[in-house]
């Protein structure tokens, strides 16, 4: 149960996309009475076209997972009350780590990259992740996803014109190091410790983070006195935040938050 009556939601973006992906989510949650924040990752507080022009950007390329987590840790601690954290992909992993640090009153991890030790050999996961991991390429240069990679990893199943619009409006260069860090101790979570309420959301059509991987993440949490919930939405790909019908997920999250207050 939420011990406070938190009104601030801290949104944490995933890799490869601008924090403007939360714009409609902010409007939605503000209409429900929440305050919202959706800060950019370090070195990414600039328009999409500017960030693309900087590619290959050595500053973004140097970004590590520990820096990212500490960045949002500081933002959360600077608030008057611990926020509810909603994160997508690597943002979902960051939300889980911050929940363990007890700086969040609750966390919702949407299509989350799993903490260290949870893997799958599903082909779609390996195919979607091979380019961003950038093995055998310089880590001093950012990775910029091609349109075909974007179509497979993020927007599979959507009409091509929607895929192209999303690619142009949101895709930004990414650090290969931060993607690699997700399989290291930097992504470690103690699944046996008590924690504030956690909701893990998966999508049945996600190539990048398959539903089964999210379920494995969920099953790792073992503290019987902590709320840990899991929900699958049919037909949702990794572009879930902007995929038509995203409001269904947002409504579910609001209802879940309300249950934790009762």
C-alpha atoms as a PDB file:
ATOM      1  CA  UNK A   1       0.000   0.000   0.000  1.00  0.00           C
ATOM      2  CA  UNK A   2       1.184   3.537  -0.739  1.00  0.00           C
ATOM      3  CA  UNK A   3       2.001   5.166   2.574  1.00  0.00           C
ATOM      4  CA  UNK A   4       1.995   8.687   1.178  1.00  0.00           C
ATOM      5  CA  UNK A   5      -0.442  10.401  -1.153  1.00  0.00           C
ATOM      6  CA  UNK A   6       2.057  11.106  -3.914  1.00  0.00           C
ATOM      7  CA  UNK A   7       0.968  13.424  -6.682  1.00  0.00           C
ATOM      8  CA  UNK A   8       4.110  13.465  -8.823  1.00  0.00           C
ATOM      9  CA  UNK A   9       4.776  10.960 -11.557  1.00  0.00           C
ATOM     10  CA  UNK A  10       8.339  10.779 -12.819  1.00  0.00           C
ATOM     11  CA  UNK A  11       8.482   9.350 -16.340  1.00  0.00           C
ATOM     12  CA  UNK A  12      11.762   7.758 -17.453  1.00  0.00           C
ATOM     13  CA  UNK A  13      12.374   7.311 -21.155  1.00  0.00           C
ATOM     14  CA  UNK A  14      13.912   4.244 -22.710  1.00  0.00           C
ATOM     15  CA  UNK A  15      16.873   4.126 -25.078  1.00  0.00           C
ATOM     16  CA  UNK A  16      16.828   5.417 -28.667  1.00  0.00           C
ATOM     17  CA  UNK A  17      13.915   7.834 -28.246  1.00  0.00           C
ATOM     18  CA  UNK A  18      13.383  11.433 -27.170  1.00  0.00           C
ATOM     19  CA  UNK A  19      11.736  12.152 -23.829  1.00  0.00           C
ATOM     20  CA  UNK A  20       8.997  13.902 -25.826  1.00  0.00           C
ATOM     21  CA  UNK A  21       7.525  10.393 -26.243  1.00  0.00           C
ATOM     22  CA  UNK A  22       5.809  11.095 -22.910  1.00  0.00           C
ATOM     23  CA  UNK A  23       4.092  14.331 -23.991  1.00  0.00           C
ATOM     24  CA  UNK A  24       0.626  12.812 -24.405  1.00  0.00           C
ATOM     25  CA  UNK A  25       1.078  10.685 -21.302  1.00  0.00           C
ATOM     26  CA  UNK A  26       1.832  13.813 -19.277  1.00  0.00           C
ATOM     27  CA  UNK A  27      -1.375  15.469 -20.478  1.00  0.00           C
ATOM     28  CA  UNK A  28      -3.356  12.333 -19.649  1.00  0.00           C
ATOM     29  CA  UNK A  29      -1.988  11.920 -16.118  1.00  0.00           C
ATOM     30  CA  UNK A  30      -2.266  15.638 -15.380  1.00  0.00           C
ATOM     31  CA  UNK A  31      -5.951  15.379 -16.314  1.00  0.00           C
ATOM     32  CA  UNK A  32      -6.209  12.738 -13.577  1.00  0.00           C
ATOM     33  CA  UNK A  33      -4.799  15.093 -10.950  1.00  0.00           C
ATOM     34  CA  UNK A  34      -1.117  14.150 -11.012  1.00  0.00           C
ATOM     35  CA  UNK A  35       1.875  16.398 -11.435  1.00  0.00           C
ATOM     36  CA  UNK A  36       4.286  15.027 -14.028  1.00  0.00           C
ATOM     37  CA  UNK A  37       7.958  15.216 -14.934  1.00  0.00           C
ATOM     38  CA  UNK A  38       9.615  13.651 -17.983  1.00  0.00           C
ATOM     39  CA  UNK A  39      13.241  14.834 -17.922  1.00  0.00           C
ATOM     40  CA  UNK A  40      15.675  14.021 -20.691  1.00  0.00           C
ATOM     41  CA  UNK A  41      18.564  11.635 -20.172  1.00  0.00           C
ATOM     42  CA  UNK A  42      21.962  13.274 -19.557  1.00  0.00           C
ATOM     43  CA  UNK A  43      23.314  14.970 -22.728  1.00  0.00           C
ATOM     44  CA  UNK A  44      19.958  14.543 -24.506  1.00  0.00           C
ATOM     45  CA  UNK A  45      18.095  17.702 -23.508  1.00  0.00           C
ATOM     46  CA  UNK A  46      17.812  18.957 -27.085  1.00  0.00           C
ATOM     47  CA  UNK A  47      15.428  18.578 -30.044  1.00  0.00           C
ATOM     48  CA  UNK A  48      15.559  15.350 -32.040  1.00  0.00           C
ATOM     49  CA  UNK A  49      17.045  16.982 -35.135  1.00  0.00           C
ATOM     50  CA  UNK A  50      19.838  18.576 -33.088  1.00  0.00           C
ATOM     51  CA  UNK A  51      20.723  15.269 -31.424  1.00  0.00           C
ATOM     52  CA  UNK A  52      20.806  13.520 -34.795  1.00  0.00           C
ATOM     53  CA  UNK A  53      23.081  16.190 -36.228  1.00  0.00           C
ATOM     54  CA  UNK A  54      25.540  15.494 -33.395  1.00  0.00           C
ATOM     55  CA  UNK A  55      25.786  11.791 -34.310  1.00  0.00           C
ATOM     56  CA  UNK A  56      28.237  10.154 -33.772  1.00  0.00           C
ATOM     57  CA  UNK A  57      28.225  12.044 -30.471  1.00  0.00           C
ATOM     58  CA  UNK A  58      31.101  11.077 -28.122  1.00  0.00           C
ATOM     59  CA  UNK A  59      29.353  12.647 -25.129  1.00  0.00           C
ATOM     60  CA  UNK A  60      26.195  10.557 -25.454  1.00  0.00           C
ATOM     61  CA  UNK A  61      28.374   7.571 -26.404  1.00  0.00           C
ATOM     62  CA  UNK A  62      30.122   7.822 -23.019  1.00  0.00           C
ATOM     63  CA  UNK A  63      26.880   7.500 -21.023  1.00  0.00           C
ATOM     64  CA  UNK A  64      26.715   4.528 -18.627  1.00  0.00           C
ATOM     65  CA  UNK A  65      23.797   2.931 -16.821  1.00  0.00           C
ATOM     66  CA  UNK A  66      25.077   3.977 -13.381  1.00  0.00           C
ATOM     67  CA  UNK A  67      25.091   7.618 -14.533  1.00  0.00           C
ATOM     68  CA  UNK A  68      21.546   7.302 -15.822  1.00  0.00           C
ATOM     69  CA  UNK A  69      20.239   5.755 -12.605  1.00  0.00           C
ATOM     70  CA  UNK A  70      22.028   8.336 -10.462  1.00  0.00           C
ATOM     71  CA  UNK A  71      20.641  11.136 -12.649  1.00  0.00           C
ATOM     72  CA  UNK A  72      17.044  10.089 -12.001  1.00  0.00           C
ATOM     73  CA  UNK A  73      17.815   9.196  -8.387  1.00  0.00           C
ATOM     74  CA  UNK A  74      18.831  12.824  -7.796  1.00  0.00           C
ATOM     75  CA  UNK A  75      15.673  14.109  -9.498  1.00  0.00           C
ATOM     76  CA  UNK A  76      13.459  11.829  -7.391  1.00  0.00           C
ATOM     77  CA  UNK A  77      15.193  12.754  -4.123  1.00  0.00           C
ATOM     78  CA  UNK A  78      14.800  16.447  -4.891  1.00  0.00           C
ATOM     79  CA  UNK A  79      11.003  16.162  -4.836  1.00  0.00           C
ATOM     80  CA  UNK A  80       9.015  16.859  -1.666  1.00  0.00           C
ATOM     81  CA  UNK A  81       7.660  13.277  -1.627  1.00  0.00           C
ATOM     82  CA  UNK A  82       8.882  10.094  -3.310  1.00  0.00           C
ATOM     83  CA  UNK A  83       7.302  10.020  -6.778  1.00  0.00           C
ATOM     84  CA  UNK A  84       5.548   7.255  -8.616  1.00  0.00           C
ATOM     85  CA  UNK A  85       8.031   6.259 -11.305  1.00  0.00           C
ATOM     86  CA  UNK A  86       6.848   5.070 -14.707  1.00  0.00           C
ATOM     87  CA  UNK A  87       9.610   3.855 -17.001  1.00  0.00           C
ATOM     88  CA  UNK A  88       9.766   2.280 -20.442  1.00  0.00           C
ATOM     89  CA  UNK A  89      12.408  -0.232 -21.569  1.00  0.00           C
ATOM     90  CA  UNK A  90      15.727   0.842 -19.973  1.00  0.00           C
ATOM     91  CA  UNK A  91      13.590   3.390 -18.163  1.00  0.00           C
ATOM     92  CA  UNK A  92      11.666   0.434 -16.729  1.00  0.00           C
ATOM     93  CA  UNK A  93      14.898  -1.143 -15.528  1.00  0.00           C
ATOM     94  CA  UNK A  94      15.896   2.191 -13.996  1.00  0.00           C
ATOM     95  CA  UNK A  95      12.514   2.343 -12.245  1.00  0.00           C
ATOM     96  CA  UNK A  96      13.105  -1.093 -10.713  1.00  0.00           C
ATOM     97  CA  UNK A  97      16.549  -0.081  -9.448  1.00  0.00           C
ATOM     98  CA  UNK A  98      15.217   3.173  -7.980  1.00  0.00           C
ATOM     99  CA  UNK A  99      12.354   1.307  -6.323  1.00  0.00           C
ATOM    100  CA  UNK A 100      14.958  -0.836  -4.589  1.00  0.00           C
ATOM    101  CA  UNK A 101      16.764   2.312  -3.475  1.00  0.00           C
ATOM    102  CA  UNK A 102      13.463   3.332  -1.854  1.00  0.00           C
ATOM    103  CA  UNK A 103      13.223   6.648  -3.702  1.00  0.00           C
ATOM    104  CA  UNK A 104       9.908   5.727  -5.369  1.00  0.00           C
ATOM    105  CA  UNK A 105       6.544   5.248  -3.662  1.00  0.00           C
ATOM    106  CA  UNK A 106       5.621   2.847  -6.465  1.00  0.00           C
ATOM    107  CA  UNK A 107       6.965   1.885  -9.879  1.00  0.00           C
ATOM    108  CA  UNK A 108       5.473   0.853 -13.198  1.00  0.00           C
ATOM    109  CA  UNK A 109       7.891  -0.772 -15.624  1.00  0.00           C
ATOM    110  CA  UNK A 110       6.518  -0.850 -19.184  1.00  0.00           C
ATOM    111  CA  UNK A 111       8.141  -3.428 -21.471  1.00  0.00           C
ATOM    112  CA  UNK A 112      11.153  -3.244 -19.171  1.00  0.00           C
ATOM    113  CA  UNK A 113      14.675  -4.312 -19.934  1.00  0.00           C
ATOM    114  CA  UNK A 114      15.149  -6.944 -17.206  1.00  0.00           C
ATOM    115  CA  UNK A 115      17.688  -6.693 -14.396  1.00  0.00           C
ATOM    116  CA  UNK A 116      20.951  -8.620 -14.528  1.00  0.00           C
ATOM    117  CA  UNK A 117      20.646 -12.375 -14.841  1.00  0.00           C
ATOM    118  CA  UNK A 118      17.386 -12.578 -16.797  1.00  0.00           C
ATOM    119  CA  UNK A 119      17.891 -13.541 -20.419  1.00  0.00           C
ATOM    120  CA  UNK A 120      16.100 -15.085 -23.354  1.00  0.00           C
ATOM    121  CA  UNK A 121      17.382 -16.658 -26.530  1.00  0.00           C
ATOM    122  CA  UNK A 122      14.223 -15.822 -28.451  1.00  0.00           C
ATOM    123  CA  UNK A 123      15.245 -14.857 -31.997  1.00  0.00           C
ATOM    124  CA  UNK A 124      13.384 -11.546 -32.059  1.00  0.00           C
ATOM    125  CA  UNK A 125      15.185 -10.383 -28.893  1.00  0.00           C
ATOM    126  CA  UNK A 126      18.596 -11.292 -30.301  1.00  0.00           C
ATOM    127  CA  UNK A 127      17.868  -9.715 -33.686  1.00  0.00           C
ATOM    128  CA  UNK A 128      16.498  -6.484 -32.209  1.00  0.00           C
ATOM    129  CA  UNK A 129      19.370  -6.119 -29.754  1.00  0.00           C
ATOM    130  CA  UNK A 130      22.376  -7.027 -31.889  1.00  0.00           C
ATOM    131  CA  UNK A 131      22.763  -3.619 -33.561  1.00  0.00           C
ATOM    132  CA  UNK A 132      22.297  -1.513 -30.414  1.00  0.00           C
ATOM    133  CA  UNK A 133      24.802  -3.650 -28.488  1.00  0.00           C
ATOM    134  CA  UNK A 134      27.294  -2.768 -31.185  1.00  0.00           C
ATOM    135  CA  UNK A 135      29.749  -5.573 -30.533  1.00  0.00           C
ATOM    136  CA  UNK A 136      32.881  -5.328 -32.720  1.00  0.00           C
ATOM    137  CA  UNK A 137      32.213  -1.603 -33.280  1.00  0.00           C
ATOM    138  CA  UNK A 138      33.629   1.443 -31.523  1.00  0.00           C
ATOM    139  CA  UNK A 139      31.941   2.332 -28.242  1.00  0.00           C
ATOM    140  CA  UNK A 140      33.193   5.892 -28.710  1.00  0.00           C
ATOM    141  CA  UNK A 141      30.507   6.455 -31.336  1.00  0.00           C
ATOM    142  CA  UNK A 142      26.759   6.514 -30.824  1.00  0.00           C
ATOM    143  CA  UNK A 143      24.423   4.031 -32.471  1.00  0.00           C
ATOM    144  CA  UNK A 144      21.681   5.406 -34.704  1.00  0.00           C
ATOM    145  CA  UNK A 145      19.042   2.880 -35.652  1.00  0.00           C
ATOM    146  CA  UNK A 146      18.201   2.544 -39.337  1.00  0.00           C
ATOM    147  CA  UNK A 147      14.569   2.754 -40.425  1.00  0.00           C
ATOM    148  CA  UNK A 148      14.443  -0.986 -41.111  1.00  0.00           C
ATOM    149  CA  UNK A 149      15.860  -1.701 -37.661  1.00  0.00           C
ATOM    150  CA  UNK A 150      13.269   0.661 -36.168  1.00  0.00           C
ATOM    151  CA  UNK A 151      10.480  -1.120 -38.040  1.00  0.00           C
ATOM    152  CA  UNK A 152      11.524  -4.469 -36.580  1.00  0.00           C
ATOM    153  CA  UNK A 153      12.550  -3.471 -33.053  1.00  0.00           C
ATOM    154  CA  UNK A 154       9.940  -0.822 -32.239  1.00  0.00           C
ATOM    155  CA  UNK A 155       7.012  -0.410 -34.633  1.00  0.00           C
ATOM    156  CA  UNK A 156       6.363  -3.896 -36.027  1.00  0.00           C
ATOM    157  CA  UNK A 157       2.765  -4.390 -37.083  1.00  0.00           C
ATOM    158  CA  UNK A 158       2.036  -0.692 -37.658  1.00  0.00           C
ATOM    159  CA  UNK A 159       1.330   0.937 -41.063  1.00  0.00           C
ATOM    160  CA  UNK A 160       4.542   2.121 -42.702  1.00  0.00           C
ATOM    161  CA  UNK A 161       3.498   5.784 -42.718  1.00  0.00           C
ATOM    162  CA  UNK A 162       3.019   5.661 -38.933  1.00  0.00           C
ATOM    163  CA  UNK A 163       6.353   3.922 -38.529  1.00  0.00           C
ATOM    164  CA  UNK A 164       8.071   6.621 -40.573  1.00  0.00           C
ATOM    165  CA  UNK A 165       6.388   9.458 -38.687  1.00  0.00           C
ATOM    166  CA  UNK A 166       7.477   8.022 -35.336  1.00  0.00           C
ATOM    167  CA  UNK A 167      11.010   7.445 -36.646  1.00  0.00           C
ATOM    168  CA  UNK A 168      11.352  11.049 -37.787  1.00  0.00           C
ATOM    169  CA  UNK A 169       9.829  12.559 -34.649  1.00  0.00           C
ATOM    170  CA  UNK A 170      11.425  10.481 -31.900  1.00  0.00           C
ATOM    171  CA  UNK A 171      14.503   8.465 -32.888  1.00  0.00           C
ATOM    172  CA  UNK A 172      17.812   9.717 -31.463  1.00  0.00           C
ATOM    173  CA  UNK A 173      21.389   8.374 -31.248  1.00  0.00           C
ATOM    174  CA  UNK A 174      22.222   6.070 -28.356  1.00  0.00           C
ATOM    175  CA  UNK A 175      25.156   4.951 -26.229  1.00  0.00           C
ATOM    176  CA  UNK A 176      26.250   1.394 -26.965  1.00  0.00           C
ATOM    177  CA  UNK A 177      27.801   1.240 -23.506  1.00  0.00           C
ATOM    178  CA  UNK A 178      24.521   1.847 -21.715  1.00  0.00           C
ATOM    179  CA  UNK A 179      22.894  -0.990 -23.654  1.00  0.00           C
ATOM    180  CA  UNK A 180      25.787  -3.304 -22.796  1.00  0.00           C
ATOM    181  CA  UNK A 181      25.577  -2.276 -19.132  1.00  0.00           C
ATOM    182  CA  UNK A 182      22.096  -3.782 -18.854  1.00  0.00           C
ATOM    183  CA  UNK A 183      23.642  -7.266 -18.646  1.00  0.00           C
ATOM    184  CA  UNK A 184      26.207  -6.294 -15.988  1.00  0.00           C
ATOM    185  CA  UNK A 185      26.153  -5.740 -12.228  1.00  0.00           C
ATOM    186  CA  UNK A 186      25.089  -2.142 -12.902  1.00  0.00           C
ATOM    187  CA  UNK A 187      21.642  -3.620 -13.614  1.00  0.00           C
ATOM    188  CA  UNK A 188      21.510  -5.748 -10.477  1.00  0.00           C
ATOM    189  CA  UNK A 189      18.332  -5.984  -8.386  1.00  0.00           C
ATOM    190  CA  UNK A 190      17.910  -7.993  -5.171  1.00  0.00           C
ATOM    191  CA  UNK A 191      14.669  -9.806  -5.964  1.00  0.00           C
ATOM    192  CA  UNK A 192      14.262 -11.097  -2.406  1.00  0.00           C
ATOM    193  CA  UNK A 193      14.126  -7.779  -0.559  1.00  0.00           C
ATOM    194  CA  UNK A 194      10.914  -5.955   0.392  1.00  0.00           C
ATOM    195  CA  UNK A 195       9.874  -3.151  -1.954  1.00  0.00           C
ATOM    196  CA  UNK A 196       7.103  -0.642  -2.580  1.00  0.00           C
ATOM    197  CA  UNK A 197       4.388  -1.617  -5.123  1.00  0.00           C
ATOM    198  CA  UNK A 198       5.639  -2.660  -8.548  1.00  0.00           C
ATOM    199  CA  UNK A 199       3.680  -3.255 -11.743  1.00  0.00           C
ATOM    200  CA  UNK A 200       5.353  -4.914 -14.727  1.00  0.00           C
ATOM    201  CA  UNK A 201       3.597  -4.451 -18.075  1.00  0.00           C
ATOM    202  CA  UNK A 202       4.332  -6.549 -21.160  1.00  0.00           C
ATOM    203  CA  UNK A 203       3.172  -6.597 -24.774  1.00  0.00           C
ATOM    204  CA  UNK A 204       2.437  -9.739 -26.763  1.00  0.00           C
ATOM    205  CA  UNK A 205       3.925  -8.300 -29.988  1.00  0.00           C
ATOM    206  CA  UNK A 206       7.118  -6.758 -28.598  1.00  0.00           C
ATOM    207  CA  UNK A 207      10.171  -7.957 -30.558  1.00  0.00           C
ATOM    208  CA  UNK A 208      12.713  -6.124 -28.392  1.00  0.00           C
ATOM    209  CA  UNK A 209      11.465  -7.167 -24.943  1.00  0.00           C
ATOM    210  CA  UNK A 210       9.279 -10.235 -25.451  1.00  0.00           C
ATOM    211  CA  UNK A 211       6.360 -10.904 -23.115  1.00  0.00           C
ATOM    212  CA  UNK A 212       8.147 -14.008 -21.804  1.00  0.00           C
ATOM    213  CA  UNK A 213      11.125 -11.916 -20.709  1.00  0.00           C
ATOM    214  CA  UNK A 214       8.890  -9.564 -18.729  1.00  0.00           C
ATOM    215  CA  UNK A 215       7.184 -12.564 -17.135  1.00  0.00           C
ATOM    216  CA  UNK A 216      10.564 -13.995 -16.102  1.00  0.00           C
ATOM    217  CA  UNK A 217      11.365 -10.605 -14.560  1.00  0.00           C
ATOM    218  CA  UNK A 218       8.080 -10.679 -12.629  1.00  0.00           C
ATOM    219  CA  UNK A 219       8.601 -14.236 -11.358  1.00  0.00           C
ATOM    220  CA  UNK A 220      12.011 -13.344  -9.901  1.00  0.00           C
ATOM    221  CA  UNK A 221      10.453 -11.157  -7.211  1.00  0.00           C
ATOM    222  CA  UNK A 222       9.828 -13.345  -4.169  1.00  0.00           C
ATOM    223  CA  UNK A 223       8.958 -11.115  -1.182  1.00  0.00           C
ATOM    224  CA  UNK A 224       5.444 -12.204  -0.242  1.00  0.00           C
ATOM    225  CA  UNK A 225       4.690  -9.002   1.672  1.00  0.00           C
ATOM    226  CA  UNK A 226       5.439  -6.741  -1.306  1.00  0.00           C
ATOM    227  CA  UNK A 227       2.984  -5.978  -4.105  1.00  0.00           C
ATOM    228  CA  UNK A 228       4.358  -7.206  -7.430  1.00  0.00           C
ATOM    229  CA  UNK A 229       1.871  -7.345 -10.307  1.00  0.00           C
ATOM    230  CA  UNK A 230       2.079  -8.359 -13.960  1.00  0.00           C
ATOM    231  CA  UNK A 231      -0.144  -7.433 -16.895  1.00  0.00           C
ATOM    232  CA  UNK A 232       0.022  -8.326 -20.592  1.00  0.00           C
ATOM    233  CA  UNK A 233      -1.621  -6.261 -23.325  1.00  0.00           C
ATOM    234  CA  UNK A 234      -2.309  -8.029 -26.600  1.00  0.00           C
ATOM    235  CA  UNK A 235      -0.810  -6.658 -29.796  1.00  0.00           C
ATOM    236  CA  UNK A 236       1.503  -4.126 -28.133  1.00  0.00           C
ATOM    237  CA  UNK A 237       4.923  -3.636 -29.720  1.00  0.00           C
ATOM    238  CA  UNK A 238       7.949  -1.848 -28.231  1.00  0.00           C
ATOM    239  CA  UNK A 239       6.575   1.498 -29.420  1.00  0.00           C
ATOM    240  CA  UNK A 240       3.826   0.978 -26.872  1.00  0.00           C
ATOM    241  CA  UNK A 241       3.911   4.582 -25.592  1.00  0.00           C
ATOM    242  CA  UNK A 242       2.876   5.967 -28.975  1.00  0.00           C
ATOM    243  CA  UNK A 243       1.061   2.988 -30.423  1.00  0.00           C
ATOM    244  CA  UNK A 244      -2.619   3.750 -31.107  1.00  0.00           C
ATOM    245  CA  UNK A 245      -4.685   2.799 -28.078  1.00  0.00           C
ATOM    246  CA  UNK A 246      -1.961   3.613 -25.535  1.00  0.00           C
ATOM    247  CA  UNK A 247      -4.710   5.182 -23.390  1.00  0.00           C
ATOM    248  CA  UNK A 248      -5.906   1.675 -22.446  1.00  0.00           C
ATOM    249  CA  UNK A 249      -2.589   1.076 -20.712  1.00  0.00           C
ATOM    250  CA  UNK A 250      -2.559   4.512 -19.085  1.00  0.00           C
ATOM    251  CA  UNK A 251      -6.059   3.939 -17.681  1.00  0.00           C
ATOM    252  CA  UNK A 252      -4.999   0.554 -16.312  1.00  0.00           C
ATOM    253  CA  UNK A 253      -2.011   2.192 -14.586  1.00  0.00           C
ATOM    254  CA  UNK A 254      -4.190   4.887 -12.984  1.00  0.00           C
ATOM    255  CA  UNK A 255      -6.582   2.229 -11.679  1.00  0.00           C
ATOM    256  CA  UNK A 256      -3.665   0.171 -10.357  1.00  0.00           C
ATOM    257  CA  UNK A 257      -2.243   3.224  -8.552  1.00  0.00           C
ATOM    258  CA  UNK A 258      -5.619   3.875  -6.949  1.00  0.00           C
ATOM    259  CA  UNK A 259      -5.748   0.278  -5.662  1.00  0.00           C
ATOM    260  CA  UNK A 260      -2.429   0.765  -3.889  1.00  0.00           C
ATOM    261  CA  UNK A 261      -3.883   3.667  -1.948  1.00  0.00           C
ATOM    262  CA  UNK A 262      -6.781   1.624  -0.573  1.00  0.00           C
END
